[in-house]
Amino acid sequence: MGLRSILGRVRQAILQPRRAFAYLRHLLFARRFDWKEEGGLRSKVYGGYDDYVRHQRAKLSTLSGDAWLAEYDREYSRVLAERLAEVDVVRRGMTVLCLAARLGTEVKAFLNLGCFAVGIDLNPGSGSKYVLTGDFHDLQFPPGCVDVVFCNSLDHAFDLGRLLGQVQRVLKPGGVLVLEIVCGVDDGYKPGHYEALVWSSVDDLLKPIQAAGFQVAKRVPISYPWKGEHVVFSREAVSVPPVPAAGVPGASERG
């Protein structure tokens, strides 16, 4: 959590002491998880996919009404739009899908650049204009339908390989994947209660992404909303179909 996040929590504690107490109680009594490690990546151990979904859906309720969240929504939307304009891969009229978009902050950034953008999230809250209910492991959209896929939440993935296969499926030929990747634990990153996947370094995360059929086109260091990198990937011509993992239901199984 950055300095702005900490200051936001302090301000909230002063203005909303009951809510601050409820959040503190959540932290003290939150469920503890084990982790497994492989190839520079560490994955949280859940009781199964449904267990993972229940846990991830619960996060928004701990943030609702948070002063930090409102500040983040304004500031990150502005900063991301500026960053996207600087790397110069997004064009007016492009179709964009934002994964794990929560309240739609990143969707707004693409809209401000003249794109047709929508987000998906396991729990988008009620009445969202920008985000649909959806799962980045099992996207509800047809093959080859979007120009850009954006995500800054790979640290919430249950099955990275399946997620990347879904991205390959929905991207148009010549489409791009844009990721904002938090720095690795070797560089000081400390995962919170809801992170499901962490990496030793950004390079460790790039390896499976490249193996899934994406080529790094641009890498830019970032400092907000956390220290990390803005990485643009081109999609290779060879299609990489998603491979269901054990415990992750397919679309037909999930109704």
C-alpha atoms as a PDB file:
ATOM      1  CA  MET A   1       0.000   0.000   0.000  1.00  0.00           C
ATOM      2  CA  GLY A   2       1.440   3.381  -1.045  1.00  0.00           C
ATOM      3  CA  LEU A   3       1.637   6.605   0.969  1.00  0.00           C
ATOM      4  CA  ARG A   4      -1.568   7.965  -0.558  1.00  0.00           C
ATOM      5  CA  SER A   5      -3.418   4.787   0.401  1.00  0.00           C
ATOM      6  CA  ILE A   6      -2.124   5.004   3.966  1.00  0.00           C
ATOM      7  CA  LEU A   7      -3.124   8.665   4.250  1.00  0.00           C
ATOM      8  CA  GLY A   8      -6.551   7.782   2.872  1.00  0.00           C
ATOM      9  CA  ARG A   9      -6.985   5.097   5.541  1.00  0.00           C
ATOM     10  CA  VAL A  10      -5.930   7.541   8.286  1.00  0.00           C
ATOM     11  CA  ARG A  11      -8.378  10.162   7.008  1.00  0.00           C
ATOM     12  CA  GLN A  12     -11.148   7.577   6.871  1.00  0.00           C
ATOM     13  CA  ALA A  13     -10.411   6.477  10.452  1.00  0.00           C
ATOM     14  CA  ILE A  14     -10.848  10.068  11.617  1.00  0.00           C
ATOM     15  CA  LEU A  15     -14.011  10.785   9.623  1.00  0.00           C
ATOM     16  CA  GLN A  16     -15.628   7.333   9.876  1.00  0.00           C
ATOM     17  CA  PRO A  17     -14.416   5.647  13.102  1.00  0.00           C
ATOM     18  CA  ARG A  18     -17.060   2.889  13.015  1.00  0.00           C
ATOM     19  CA  ARG A  19     -16.129   1.883   9.481  1.00  0.00           C
ATOM     20  CA  ALA A  20     -12.428   2.022  10.356  1.00  0.00           C
ATOM     21  CA  PHE A  21     -13.048  -0.284  13.311  1.00  0.00           C
ATOM     22  CA  ALA A  22     -14.944  -2.724  11.079  1.00  0.00           C
ATOM     23  CA  TYR A  23     -12.059  -2.754   8.583  1.00  0.00           C
ATOM     24  CA  LEU A  24      -9.517  -3.326  11.365  1.00  0.00           C
ATOM     25  CA  ARG A  25     -11.603  -6.212  12.690  1.00  0.00           C
ATOM     26  CA  HIS A  26     -11.668  -7.671   9.172  1.00  0.00           C
ATOM     27  CA  LEU A  27      -7.866  -7.559   9.007  1.00  0.00           C
ATOM     28  CA  LEU A  28      -7.411  -9.107  12.435  1.00  0.00           C
ATOM     29  CA  PHE A  29      -9.805 -11.984  11.843  1.00  0.00           C
ATOM     30  CA  ALA A  30      -9.308 -12.479   8.119  1.00  0.00           C
ATOM     31  CA  ARG A  31      -8.806 -16.012   6.926  1.00  0.00           C
ATOM     32  CA  ARG A  32      -5.187 -17.089   6.465  1.00  0.00           C
ATOM     33  CA  PHE A  33      -4.057 -18.950   3.331  1.00  0.00           C
ATOM     34  CA  ASP A  34      -1.082 -21.105   2.392  1.00  0.00           C
ATOM     35  CA  TRP A  35       0.991 -20.480  -0.760  1.00  0.00           C
ATOM     36  CA  LYS A  36       2.699 -22.750  -3.264  1.00  0.00           C
ATOM     37  CA  GLU A  37       5.683 -21.674  -5.370  1.00  0.00           C
ATOM     38  CA  GLU A  38       6.817 -22.630  -8.872  1.00  0.00           C
ATOM     39  CA  GLY A  39       9.215 -20.913 -11.254  1.00  0.00           C
ATOM     40  CA  GLY A  40       9.311 -17.523  -9.554  1.00  0.00           C
ATOM     41  CA  LEU A  41       5.520 -17.443  -9.102  1.00  0.00           C
ATOM     42  CA  ARG A  42       3.618 -18.025  -5.855  1.00  0.00           C
ATOM     43  CA  SER A  43      -0.062 -19.026  -5.930  1.00  0.00           C
ATOM     44  CA  LYS A  44      -2.507 -18.877  -3.034  1.00  0.00           C
ATOM     45  CA  VAL A  45      -3.917 -22.279  -2.094  1.00  0.00           C
ATOM     46  CA  TYR A  46      -7.719 -22.330  -2.134  1.00  0.00           C
ATOM     47  CA  GLY A  47     -10.081 -25.153  -1.318  1.00  0.00           C
ATOM     48  CA  GLY A  48     -11.256 -25.041  -4.933  1.00  0.00           C
ATOM     49  CA  TYR A  49     -12.368 -22.622  -7.627  1.00  0.00           C
ATOM     50  CA  ASP A  50     -15.644 -21.744  -5.898  1.00  0.00           C
ATOM     51  CA  ASP A  51     -13.665 -20.929  -2.762  1.00  0.00           C
ATOM     52  CA  TYR A  52     -11.475 -18.582  -4.810  1.00  0.00           C
ATOM     53  CA  VAL A  53     -14.512 -16.848  -6.354  1.00  0.00           C
ATOM     54  CA  ARG A  54     -16.187 -16.306  -2.964  1.00  0.00           C
ATOM     55  CA  HIS A  55     -13.002 -14.815  -1.558  1.00  0.00           C
ATOM     56  CA  GLN A  56     -12.406 -12.444  -4.475  1.00  0.00           C
ATOM     57  CA  ARG A  57     -16.020 -11.264  -4.578  1.00  0.00           C
ATOM     58  CA  ALA A  58     -15.768 -10.243  -0.927  1.00  0.00           C
ATOM     59  CA  LYS A  59     -13.102  -7.604  -1.540  1.00  0.00           C
ATOM     60  CA  LEU A  60     -15.382  -4.828  -2.785  1.00  0.00           C
ATOM     61  CA  SER A  61     -17.422  -4.887   0.433  1.00  0.00           C
ATOM     62  CA  THR A  62     -14.275  -3.970   2.401  1.00  0.00           C
ATOM     63  CA  LEU A  63     -13.711  -0.922   0.157  1.00  0.00           C
ATOM     64  CA  SER A  64     -17.208   0.450  -0.399  1.00  0.00           C
ATOM     65  CA  GLY A  65     -17.506   4.025   0.841  1.00  0.00           C
ATOM     66  CA  ASP A  66     -13.743   4.238   1.323  1.00  0.00           C
ATOM     67  CA  ALA A  67     -12.344   7.746   0.756  1.00  0.00           C
ATOM     68  CA  TRP A  68      -9.207   6.188  -0.739  1.00  0.00           C
ATOM     69  CA  LEU A  69     -11.283   4.378  -3.374  1.00  0.00           C
ATOM     70  CA  ALA A  70     -12.910   7.620  -4.525  1.00  0.00           C
ATOM     71  CA  GLU A  71      -9.512   9.317  -4.765  1.00  0.00           C
ATOM     72  CA  TYR A  72      -8.085   6.348  -6.652  1.00  0.00           C
ATOM     73  CA  ASP A  73     -10.993   6.384  -9.089  1.00  0.00           C
ATOM     74  CA  ARG A  74     -10.293  10.003 -10.013  1.00  0.00           C
ATOM     75  CA  GLU A  75      -6.507   9.939 -10.024  1.00  0.00           C
ATOM     76  CA  TYR A  76      -5.816   6.577 -11.623  1.00  0.00           C
ATOM     77  CA  SER A  77      -8.268   7.234 -14.454  1.00  0.00           C
ATOM     78  CA  ARG A  78      -6.372  10.432 -15.267  1.00  0.00           C
ATOM     79  CA  VAL A  79      -2.884   8.946 -14.867  1.00  0.00           C
ATOM     80  CA  LEU A  80      -3.697   5.846 -16.922  1.00  0.00           C
ATOM     81  CA  ALA A  81      -5.157   7.912 -19.789  1.00  0.00           C
ATOM     82  CA  GLU A  82      -1.955   9.983 -19.864  1.00  0.00           C
ATOM     83  CA  ARG A  83       0.188   6.844 -19.807  1.00  0.00           C
ATOM     84  CA  LEU A  84      -1.763   5.226 -22.629  1.00  0.00           C
ATOM     85  CA  ALA A  85      -1.430   8.370 -24.719  1.00  0.00           C
ATOM     86  CA  GLU A  86       2.337   8.415 -24.135  1.00  0.00           C
ATOM     87  CA  VAL A  87       2.949   4.798 -25.202  1.00  0.00           C
ATOM     88  CA  ASP A  88       0.789   5.536 -28.258  1.00  0.00           C
ATOM     89  CA  VAL A  89      -0.803   2.161 -28.971  1.00  0.00           C
ATOM     90  CA  VAL A  90      -4.451   3.117 -28.443  1.00  0.00           C
ATOM     91  CA  ARG A  91      -6.480   4.837 -31.156  1.00  0.00           C
ATOM     92  CA  ARG A  92      -9.890   6.533 -31.056  1.00  0.00           C
ATOM     93  CA  GLY A  93     -12.630   4.050 -31.946  1.00  0.00           C
ATOM     94  CA  MET A  94     -10.785   0.961 -30.742  1.00  0.00           C
ATOM     95  CA  THR A  95     -12.734  -1.667 -28.795  1.00  0.00           C
ATOM     96  CA  VAL A  96     -11.316  -2.349 -25.335  1.00  0.00           C
ATOM     97  CA  LEU A  97     -12.011  -4.968 -22.677  1.00  0.00           C
ATOM     98  CA  CYS A  98     -10.763  -4.251 -19.147  1.00  0.00           C
ATOM     99  CA  LEU A  99     -10.349  -7.309 -16.930  1.00  0.00           C
ATOM    100  CA  ALA A 100     -11.081  -7.277 -13.187  1.00  0.00           C
ATOM    101  CA  ALA A 101     -12.107  -3.628 -13.563  1.00  0.00           C
ATOM    102  CA  ARG A 102     -13.909  -3.323 -10.221  1.00  0.00           C
ATOM    103  CA  LEU A 103     -15.775   0.036 -10.393  1.00  0.00           C
ATOM    104  CA  GLY A 104     -14.550   0.903 -13.897  1.00  0.00           C
ATOM    105  CA  THR A 105     -11.693   3.312 -13.251  1.00  0.00           C
ATOM    106  CA  GLU A 106      -9.594   1.967 -16.132  1.00  0.00           C
ATOM    107  CA  VAL A 107     -12.641   1.819 -18.409  1.00  0.00           C
ATOM    108  CA  LYS A 108     -13.066   5.576 -17.924  1.00  0.00           C
ATOM    109  CA  ALA A 109      -9.450   6.133 -18.981  1.00  0.00           C
ATOM    110  CA  PHE A 110     -10.066   4.403 -22.321  1.00  0.00           C
ATOM    111  CA  LEU A 111     -13.376   6.225 -22.797  1.00  0.00           C
ATOM    112  CA  ASN A 112     -11.539   9.513 -22.323  1.00  0.00           C
ATOM    113  CA  LEU A 113      -9.294   8.510 -25.234  1.00  0.00           C
ATOM    114  CA  GLY A 114     -12.283   7.922 -27.506  1.00  0.00           C
ATOM    115  CA  CYS A 115     -12.402   4.122 -27.273  1.00  0.00           C
ATOM    116  CA  PHE A 116     -15.452   1.888 -26.966  1.00  0.00           C
ATOM    117  CA  ALA A 117     -14.598   0.263 -23.631  1.00  0.00           C
ATOM    118  CA  VAL A 118     -16.237  -2.033 -21.098  1.00  0.00           C
ATOM    119  CA  GLY A 119     -14.979  -3.900 -18.044  1.00  0.00           C
ATOM    120  CA  ILE A 120     -15.752  -7.207 -16.359  1.00  0.00           C
ATOM    121  CA  ASP A 121     -15.357  -8.171 -12.717  1.00  0.00           C
ATOM    122  CA  LEU A 122     -16.521 -10.935 -10.405  1.00  0.00           C
ATOM    123  CA  ASN A 123     -18.191  -8.247  -8.307  1.00  0.00           C
ATOM    124  CA  PRO A 124     -18.739  -4.939 -10.121  1.00  0.00           C
ATOM    125  CA  GLY A 125     -21.123  -3.686  -7.471  1.00  0.00           C
ATOM    126  CA  SER A 126     -24.693  -2.672  -8.210  1.00  0.00           C
ATOM    127  CA  GLY A 127     -25.781  -0.496 -11.108  1.00  0.00           C
ATOM    128  CA  SER A 128     -22.367  -0.021 -12.704  1.00  0.00           C
ATOM    129  CA  LYS A 129     -22.380   1.810 -16.063  1.00  0.00           C
ATOM    130  CA  TYR A 130     -18.880   0.639 -16.925  1.00  0.00           C
ATOM    131  CA  VAL A 131     -18.427  -2.940 -15.672  1.00  0.00           C
ATOM    132  CA  LEU A 132     -20.337  -6.173 -16.304  1.00  0.00           C
ATOM    133  CA  THR A 133     -20.311  -9.242 -14.112  1.00  0.00           C
ATOM    134  CA  GLY A 134     -17.737 -11.616 -15.582  1.00  0.00           C
ATOM    135  CA  ASP A 135     -14.738 -13.818 -14.946  1.00  0.00           C
ATOM    136  CA  PHE A 136     -11.396 -13.318 -16.687  1.00  0.00           C
ATOM    137  CA  HIS A 137     -10.889 -17.089 -16.612  1.00  0.00           C
ATOM    138  CA  ASP A 138     -14.069 -17.619 -18.687  1.00  0.00           C
ATOM    139  CA  LEU A 139     -14.888 -14.549 -20.788  1.00  0.00           C
ATOM    140  CA  GLN A 140     -18.425 -14.368 -22.173  1.00  0.00           C
ATOM    141  CA  PHE A 141     -17.363 -12.634 -25.414  1.00  0.00           C
ATOM    142  CA  PRO A 142     -16.862 -14.178 -28.888  1.00  0.00           C
ATOM    143  CA  PRO A 143     -13.460 -14.865 -30.510  1.00  0.00           C
ATOM    144  CA  GLY A 144     -11.612 -11.977 -32.140  1.00  0.00           C
ATOM    145  CA  CYS A 145     -13.912  -9.216 -30.906  1.00  0.00           C
ATOM    146  CA  VAL A 146     -11.654  -6.612 -29.252  1.00  0.00           C
ATOM    147  CA  ASP A 147      -8.616  -4.554 -30.245  1.00  0.00           C
ATOM    148  CA  VAL A 148      -7.192  -4.154 -26.744  1.00  0.00           C
ATOM    149  CA  VAL A 149      -7.333  -6.134 -23.518  1.00  0.00           C
ATOM    150  CA  PHE A 150      -6.220  -4.274 -20.402  1.00  0.00           C
ATOM    151  CA  CYS A 151      -5.561  -5.628 -16.915  1.00  0.00           C
ATOM    152  CA  ASN A 152      -3.795  -4.409 -13.799  1.00  0.00           C
ATOM    153  CA  SER A 153      -4.972  -7.305 -11.630  1.00  0.00           C
ATOM    154  CA  LEU A 154      -2.993 -10.388 -12.643  1.00  0.00           C
ATOM    155  CA  ASP A 155      -2.135 -10.717  -8.963  1.00  0.00           C
ATOM    156  CA  HIS A 156      -5.759 -11.822  -8.485  1.00  0.00           C
ATOM    157  CA  ALA A 157      -5.603 -14.678 -11.014  1.00  0.00           C
ATOM    158  CA  PHE A 158      -6.420 -18.234 -10.001  1.00  0.00           C
ATOM    159  CA  ASP A 159      -5.089 -19.803 -13.214  1.00  0.00           C
ATOM    160  CA  LEU A 160      -2.771 -17.547 -15.229  1.00  0.00           C
ATOM    161  CA  GLY A 161      -2.573 -19.945 -18.194  1.00  0.00           C
ATOM    162  CA  ARG A 162      -6.331 -20.111 -18.592  1.00  0.00           C
ATOM    163  CA  LEU A 163      -6.650 -16.347 -18.272  1.00  0.00           C
ATOM    164  CA  LEU A 164      -4.044 -15.762 -20.999  1.00  0.00           C
ATOM    165  CA  GLY A 165      -5.768 -18.291 -23.242  1.00  0.00           C
ATOM    166  CA  GLN A 166      -8.997 -16.336 -22.889  1.00  0.00           C
ATOM    167  CA  VAL A 167      -7.193 -13.117 -23.797  1.00  0.00           C
ATOM    168  CA  GLN A 168      -5.751 -14.774 -26.906  1.00  0.00           C
ATOM    169  CA  ARG A 169      -9.234 -15.929 -27.868  1.00  0.00           C
ATOM    170  CA  VAL A 170     -11.022 -12.563 -27.673  1.00  0.00           C
ATOM    171  CA  LEU A 171      -8.272 -10.414 -29.207  1.00  0.00           C
ATOM    172  CA  LYS A 172      -8.487  -9.558 -32.886  1.00  0.00           C
ATOM    173  CA  PRO A 173      -5.512 -10.425 -35.117  1.00  0.00           C
ATOM    174  CA  GLY A 174      -3.057  -7.607 -34.514  1.00  0.00           C
ATOM    175  CA  GLY A 175      -4.660  -6.789 -31.170  1.00  0.00           C
ATOM    176  CA  VAL A 176      -2.652  -5.808 -28.105  1.00  0.00           C
ATOM    177  CA  LEU A 177      -2.579  -6.784 -24.465  1.00  0.00           C
ATOM    178  CA  VAL A 178      -1.761  -3.946 -22.063  1.00  0.00           C
ATOM    179  CA  LEU A 179      -0.809  -4.872 -18.513  1.00  0.00           C
ATOM    180  CA  GLU A 180       0.113  -2.802 -15.503  1.00  0.00           C
ATOM    181  CA  ILE A 181       2.187  -5.105 -13.346  1.00  0.00           C
ATOM    182  CA  VAL A 182       3.074  -4.448  -9.730  1.00  0.00           C
ATOM    183  CA  CYS A 183       6.742  -5.004  -8.830  1.00  0.00           C
ATOM    184  CA  GLY A 184       7.793  -8.397  -7.480  1.00  0.00           C
ATOM    185  CA  VAL A 185       8.384  -9.431  -3.893  1.00  0.00           C
ATOM    186  CA  ASP A 186      12.142  -9.198  -4.475  1.00  0.00           C
ATOM    187  CA  ASP A 187      11.601  -5.482  -5.133  1.00  0.00           C
ATOM    188  CA  GLY A 188       9.577  -4.903  -1.989  1.00  0.00           C
ATOM    189  CA  TYR A 189       6.024  -5.859  -2.950  1.00  0.00           C
ATOM    190  CA  LYS A 190       3.986  -7.294  -0.086  1.00  0.00           C
ATOM    191  CA  PRO A 191       0.754  -9.004  -1.164  1.00  0.00           C
ATOM    192  CA  GLY A 192      -2.456  -8.184   0.642  1.00  0.00           C
ATOM    193  CA  HIS A 193      -5.252 -10.444   1.796  1.00  0.00           C
ATOM    194  CA  TYR A 194      -6.930 -10.781  -1.620  1.00  0.00           C
ATOM    195  CA  GLU A 195      -3.925 -11.283  -3.899  1.00  0.00           C
ATOM    196  CA  ALA A 196      -3.925 -14.806  -5.336  1.00  0.00           C
ATOM    197  CA  LEU A 197      -0.730 -14.730  -7.427  1.00  0.00           C
ATOM    198  CA  VAL A 198       2.600 -13.018  -6.785  1.00  0.00           C
ATOM    199  CA  TRP A 199       5.979 -13.062  -8.535  1.00  0.00           C
ATOM    200  CA  SER A 200       9.573 -12.632  -7.475  1.00  0.00           C
ATOM    201  CA  SER A 201      10.157 -10.081 -10.243  1.00  0.00           C
ATOM    202  CA  VAL A 202       8.293  -8.680 -13.236  1.00  0.00           C
ATOM    203  CA  ASP A 203      10.598 -10.720 -15.482  1.00  0.00           C
ATOM    204  CA  ASP A 204       9.382 -13.914 -13.785  1.00  0.00           C
ATOM    205  CA  LEU A 205       5.804 -13.026 -14.712  1.00  0.00           C
ATOM    206  CA  LEU A 206       6.707 -12.101 -18.281  1.00  0.00           C
ATOM    207  CA  LYS A 207       8.037 -15.600 -19.009  1.00  0.00           C
ATOM    208  CA  PRO A 208       4.653 -17.436 -18.930  1.00  0.00           C
ATOM    209  CA  ILE A 209       2.972 -14.535 -20.718  1.00  0.00           C
ATOM    210  CA  GLN A 210       5.471 -14.770 -23.573  1.00  0.00           C
ATOM    211  CA  ALA A 211       5.159 -18.552 -23.588  1.00  0.00           C
ATOM    212  CA  ALA A 212       1.393 -18.109 -24.068  1.00  0.00           C
ATOM    213  CA  GLY A 213       1.951 -16.317 -27.387  1.00  0.00           C
ATOM    214  CA  PHE A 214       2.553 -12.652 -26.527  1.00  0.00           C
ATOM    215  CA  GLN A 215       5.581 -10.572 -27.469  1.00  0.00           C
ATOM    216  CA  VAL A 216       6.749  -7.592 -25.425  1.00  0.00           C
ATOM    217  CA  ALA A 217       6.449  -4.415 -27.496  1.00  0.00           C
ATOM    218  CA  LYS A 218       6.977  -1.734 -24.828  1.00  0.00           C
ATOM    219  CA  ARG A 219       7.970  -1.609 -21.145  1.00  0.00           C
ATOM    220  CA  VAL A 220       7.609   1.577 -19.097  1.00  0.00           C
ATOM    221  CA  PRO A 221       8.269   1.921 -15.343  1.00  0.00           C
ATOM    222  CA  ILE A 222       5.392   3.343 -13.277  1.00  0.00           C
ATOM    223  CA  SER A 223       5.066   4.646  -9.729  1.00  0.00           C
ATOM    224  CA  TYR A 224       1.286   5.097  -9.352  1.00  0.00           C
ATOM    225  CA  PRO A 225      -0.883   3.487  -8.067  1.00  0.00           C
ATOM    226  CA  TRP A 226       2.080   1.338  -7.064  1.00  0.00           C
ATOM    227  CA  LYS A 227       5.640   0.715  -8.181  1.00  0.00           C
ATOM    228  CA  GLY A 228       5.731  -1.540 -11.226  1.00  0.00           C
ATOM    229  CA  GLU A 229       5.679  -1.564 -15.025  1.00  0.00           C
ATOM    230  CA  HIS A 230       3.305  -0.686 -17.863  1.00  0.00           C
ATOM    231  CA  VAL A 231       3.850  -3.415 -20.473  1.00  0.00           C
ATOM    232  CA  VAL A 232       2.381  -3.620 -23.970  1.00  0.00           C
ATOM    233  CA  PHE A 233       2.275  -6.997 -25.730  1.00  0.00           C
ATOM    234  CA  SER A 234       1.545  -7.831 -29.334  1.00  0.00           C
ATOM    235  CA  ARG A 235      -0.442 -10.977 -30.072  1.00  0.00           C
ATOM    236  CA  GLU A 236       1.356 -13.620 -32.093  1.00  0.00           C
ATOM    237  CA  ALA A 237      -0.431 -14.982 -35.145  1.00  0.00           C
ATOM    238  CA  VAL A 238      -0.542 -18.527 -33.747  1.00  0.00           C
ATOM    239  CA  SER A 239      -3.681 -19.069 -31.703  1.00  0.00           C
ATOM    240  CA  VAL A 240      -3.196 -20.524 -28.242  1.00  0.00           C
ATOM    241  CA  PRO A 241      -6.471 -22.142 -27.101  1.00  0.00           C
ATOM    242  CA  PRO A 242      -7.334 -22.026 -23.398  1.00  0.00           C
ATOM    243  CA  VAL A 243      -6.613 -25.230 -21.507  1.00  0.00           C
ATOM    244  CA  PRO A 244      -8.976 -25.817 -18.582  1.00  0.00           C
ATOM    245  CA  ALA A 245      -7.144 -26.422 -15.327  1.00  0.00           C
ATOM    246  CA  ALA A 246      -8.234 -28.857 -12.677  1.00  0.00           C
ATOM    247  CA  GLY A 247     -10.847 -27.237 -10.485  1.00  0.00           C
ATOM    248  CA  VAL A 248     -11.634 -24.381 -12.904  1.00  0.00           C
ATOM    249  CA  PRO A 249     -15.059 -24.927 -14.458  1.00  0.00           C
ATOM    250  CA  GLY A 250     -15.530 -24.419 -18.183  1.00  0.00           C
ATOM    251  CA  ALA A 251     -18.274 -22.237 -19.603  1.00  0.00           C
ATOM    252  CA  SER A 252     -20.670 -25.157 -20.069  1.00  0.00           C
ATOM    253  CA  GLU A 253     -20.183 -26.286 -16.464  1.00  0.00           C
ATOM    254  CA  ARG A 254     -20.883 -22.851 -15.050  1.00  0.00           C
ATOM    255  CA  GLY A 255     -24.137 -22.258 -16.834  1.00  0.00           C
END
